[in-house]
Amino acid sequence: MSRFLPVAKLAEIPDQSAKCVQVEGKEIALFNLGGEFYAIDDECTHEGGPLSDGIILGEEVECPWHSAHFNIKSGEVTQDPAEDAVTCYKVRVIGDNVEVEV
């Protein structure tokens, strides 16, 4: 059964930035896009690059290793060389806590 777990404080993730958080053994990239929060697997499906260290381009993140692009809201690949999407997670804000559903 899935549940929401607190992973960060609002102040830790400024607008147009990302943070890698650990949730039950998973590394998840948490993004702030204009005050809306999104979470996807932190590991690029091409060769494992850390997406939380990537460049945010609108609603996409560019992997810092080989420039694959992923949609932050859906996890879908938008530019090669990655072929497989990353998993998306539901996010909610309760008070000043950002929570991810796992």
C-alpha atoms as a PDB file:
ATOM      1  CA  MET A   1       0.000   0.000   0.000  1.00  0.00           C
ATOM      2  CA  SER A   2       1.420   3.374  -0.966  1.00  0.00           C
ATOM      3  CA  ARG A   3       1.676   6.319   1.396  1.00  0.00           C
ATOM      4  CA  PHE A   4       2.995   9.878   1.402  1.00  0.00           C
ATOM      5  CA  LEU A   5       6.273  10.479   3.226  1.00  0.00           C
ATOM      6  CA  PRO A   6       7.873  13.858   4.048  1.00  0.00           C
ATOM      7  CA  VAL A   7      11.098  14.288   2.063  1.00  0.00           C
ATOM      8  CA  ALA A   8      11.978  18.004   2.153  1.00  0.00           C
ATOM      9  CA  LYS A   9      11.002  21.465   3.374  1.00  0.00           C
ATOM     10  CA  LEU A  10       9.678  24.014   0.870  1.00  0.00           C
ATOM     11  CA  ALA A  11      12.643  26.325   1.494  1.00  0.00           C
ATOM     12  CA  GLU A  12      15.100  23.585   0.461  1.00  0.00           C
ATOM     13  CA  ILE A  13      13.926  23.615  -3.168  1.00  0.00           C
ATOM     14  CA  PRO A  14      13.808  27.114  -4.684  1.00  0.00           C
ATOM     15  CA  ASP A  15      11.830  27.760  -7.868  1.00  0.00           C
ATOM     16  CA  GLN A  16      13.388  26.197 -10.995  1.00  0.00           C
ATOM     17  CA  SER A  17      15.608  23.855  -8.986  1.00  0.00           C
ATOM     18  CA  ALA A  18      15.838  20.197  -8.018  1.00  0.00           C
ATOM     19  CA  LYS A  19      16.972  18.113  -5.088  1.00  0.00           C
ATOM     20  CA  CYS A  20      17.751  14.423  -4.772  1.00  0.00           C
ATOM     21  CA  VAL A  21      15.886  12.826  -1.882  1.00  0.00           C
ATOM     22  CA  GLN A  22      16.045   9.303  -0.476  1.00  0.00           C
ATOM     23  CA  VAL A  23      12.706   7.568  -0.028  1.00  0.00           C
ATOM     24  CA  GLU A  24      12.651   3.969   1.192  1.00  0.00           C
ATOM     25  CA  GLY A  25      15.902   3.135  -0.587  1.00  0.00           C
ATOM     26  CA  LYS A  26      15.012   4.989  -3.803  1.00  0.00           C
ATOM     27  CA  GLU A  27      16.738   8.102  -5.083  1.00  0.00           C
ATOM     28  CA  ILE A  28      14.079  10.512  -6.323  1.00  0.00           C
ATOM     29  CA  ALA A  29      14.581  13.857  -8.074  1.00  0.00           C
ATOM     30  CA  LEU A  30      12.236  16.452  -6.607  1.00  0.00           C
ATOM     31  CA  PHE A  31      11.610  19.541  -8.784  1.00  0.00           C
ATOM     32  CA  ASN A  32      10.039  22.943  -8.112  1.00  0.00           C
ATOM     33  CA  LEU A  33       8.525  24.468 -11.259  1.00  0.00           C
ATOM     34  CA  GLY A  34       6.881  27.758 -10.385  1.00  0.00           C
ATOM     35  CA  GLY A  35       5.772  26.567  -6.959  1.00  0.00           C
ATOM     36  CA  GLU A  36       4.442  23.231  -8.255  1.00  0.00           C
ATOM     37  CA  PHE A  37       6.407  20.175  -7.143  1.00  0.00           C
ATOM     38  CA  TYR A  38       7.111  17.053  -9.200  1.00  0.00           C
ATOM     39  CA  ALA A  39       9.059  13.877  -8.505  1.00  0.00           C
ATOM     40  CA  ILE A  40      10.689  11.366 -10.870  1.00  0.00           C
ATOM     41  CA  ASP A  41      13.368   8.714 -10.504  1.00  0.00           C
ATOM     42  CA  ASP A  42      16.723  10.450 -10.141  1.00  0.00           C
ATOM     43  CA  GLU A  43      18.494   7.911 -12.360  1.00  0.00           C
ATOM     44  CA  CYS A  44      18.550   8.471 -16.137  1.00  0.00           C
ATOM     45  CA  THR A  45      17.453   5.331 -17.958  1.00  0.00           C
ATOM     46  CA  HIS A  46      20.311   5.673 -20.462  1.00  0.00           C
ATOM     47  CA  GLU A  47      23.354   5.227 -18.210  1.00  0.00           C
ATOM     48  CA  GLY A  48      22.236   6.257 -14.747  1.00  0.00           C
ATOM     49  CA  GLY A  49      23.061   9.970 -14.690  1.00  0.00           C
ATOM     50  CA  PRO A  50      21.665  11.966 -11.741  1.00  0.00           C
ATOM     51  CA  LEU A  51      18.679  13.892 -13.107  1.00  0.00           C
ATOM     52  CA  SER A  52      18.548  16.129 -10.018  1.00  0.00           C
ATOM     53  CA  ASP A  53      21.908  17.553 -11.188  1.00  0.00           C
ATOM     54  CA  GLY A  54      20.575  18.214 -14.693  1.00  0.00           C
ATOM     55  CA  ILE A  55      19.610  21.465 -16.375  1.00  0.00           C
ATOM     56  CA  ILE A  56      15.931  22.402 -16.108  1.00  0.00           C
ATOM     57  CA  LEU A  57      14.550  23.591 -19.444  1.00  0.00           C
ATOM     58  CA  GLY A  58      10.908  24.555 -18.990  1.00  0.00           C
ATOM     59  CA  GLU A  59       9.124  21.291 -18.118  1.00  0.00           C
ATOM     60  CA  GLU A  60      12.120  19.138 -19.072  1.00  0.00           C
ATOM     61  CA  VAL A  61      15.336  18.127 -17.391  1.00  0.00           C
ATOM     62  CA  GLU A  62      18.516  17.406 -19.339  1.00  0.00           C
ATOM     63  CA  CYS A  63      20.674  14.584 -17.988  1.00  0.00           C
ATOM     64  CA  PRO A  64      24.120  15.966 -17.115  1.00  0.00           C
ATOM     65  CA  TRP A  65      25.924  12.912 -18.514  1.00  0.00           C
ATOM     66  CA  HIS A  66      24.691  12.411 -22.099  1.00  0.00           C
ATOM     67  CA  SER A  67      22.011  15.092 -22.635  1.00  0.00           C
ATOM     68  CA  ALA A  68      18.930  12.864 -22.686  1.00  0.00           C
ATOM     69  CA  HIS A  69      15.803  14.898 -21.878  1.00  0.00           C
ATOM     70  CA  PHE A  70      12.842  13.868 -19.722  1.00  0.00           C
ATOM     71  CA  ASN A  71       9.521  15.586 -19.110  1.00  0.00           C
ATOM     72  CA  ILE A  72       9.502  16.445 -15.404  1.00  0.00           C
ATOM     73  CA  LYS A  73       5.706  16.118 -15.159  1.00  0.00           C
ATOM     74  CA  SER A  74       5.305  12.770 -16.963  1.00  0.00           C
ATOM     75  CA  GLY A  75       8.725  11.106 -16.865  1.00  0.00           C
ATOM     76  CA  GLU A  76       8.586  10.561 -20.644  1.00  0.00           C
ATOM     77  CA  VAL A  77      11.746  10.739 -22.752  1.00  0.00           C
ATOM     78  CA  THR A  78      11.734  13.818 -24.980  1.00  0.00           C
ATOM     79  CA  GLN A  79      15.252  13.533 -26.438  1.00  0.00           C
ATOM     80  CA  ASP A  80      17.671  10.655 -27.076  1.00  0.00           C
ATOM     81  CA  PRO A  81      19.844   8.848 -26.148  1.00  0.00           C
ATOM     82  CA  ALA A  82      17.509   7.531 -23.411  1.00  0.00           C
ATOM     83  CA  GLU A  83      14.678   5.328 -24.701  1.00  0.00           C
ATOM     84  CA  ASP A  84      12.751   4.437 -21.544  1.00  0.00           C
ATOM     85  CA  ALA A  85      10.740   6.796 -19.343  1.00  0.00           C
ATOM     86  CA  VAL A  86      11.478   7.285 -15.656  1.00  0.00           C
ATOM     87  CA  THR A  87       8.895   6.636 -12.959  1.00  0.00           C
ATOM     88  CA  CYS A  88       6.824   9.590 -11.723  1.00  0.00           C
ATOM     89  CA  TYR A  89       5.644   9.959  -8.148  1.00  0.00           C
ATOM     90  CA  LYS A  90       2.736  11.937  -6.718  1.00  0.00           C
ATOM     91  CA  VAL A  91       3.765  14.937  -4.639  1.00  0.00           C
ATOM     92  CA  ARG A  92       1.834  17.011  -2.142  1.00  0.00           C
ATOM     93  CA  VAL A  93       2.655  19.933   0.134  1.00  0.00           C
ATOM     94  CA  ILE A  94       1.433  19.873   3.733  1.00  0.00           C
ATOM     95  CA  GLY A  95       2.376  23.031   5.594  1.00  0.00           C
ATOM     96  CA  ASP A  96       6.056  23.553   4.745  1.00  0.00           C
ATOM     97  CA  ASN A  97       6.688  19.839   4.114  1.00  0.00           C
ATOM     98  CA  VAL A  98       6.978  18.358   0.645  1.00  0.00           C
ATOM     99  CA  GLU A  99       5.770  14.742   0.620  1.00  0.00           C
ATOM    100  CA  VAL A 100       6.188  12.030  -2.013  1.00  0.00           C
ATOM    101  CA  GLU A 101       3.937   9.012  -2.426  1.00  0.00           C
ATOM    102  CA  VAL A 102       5.772   5.686  -2.484  1.00  0.00           C
END
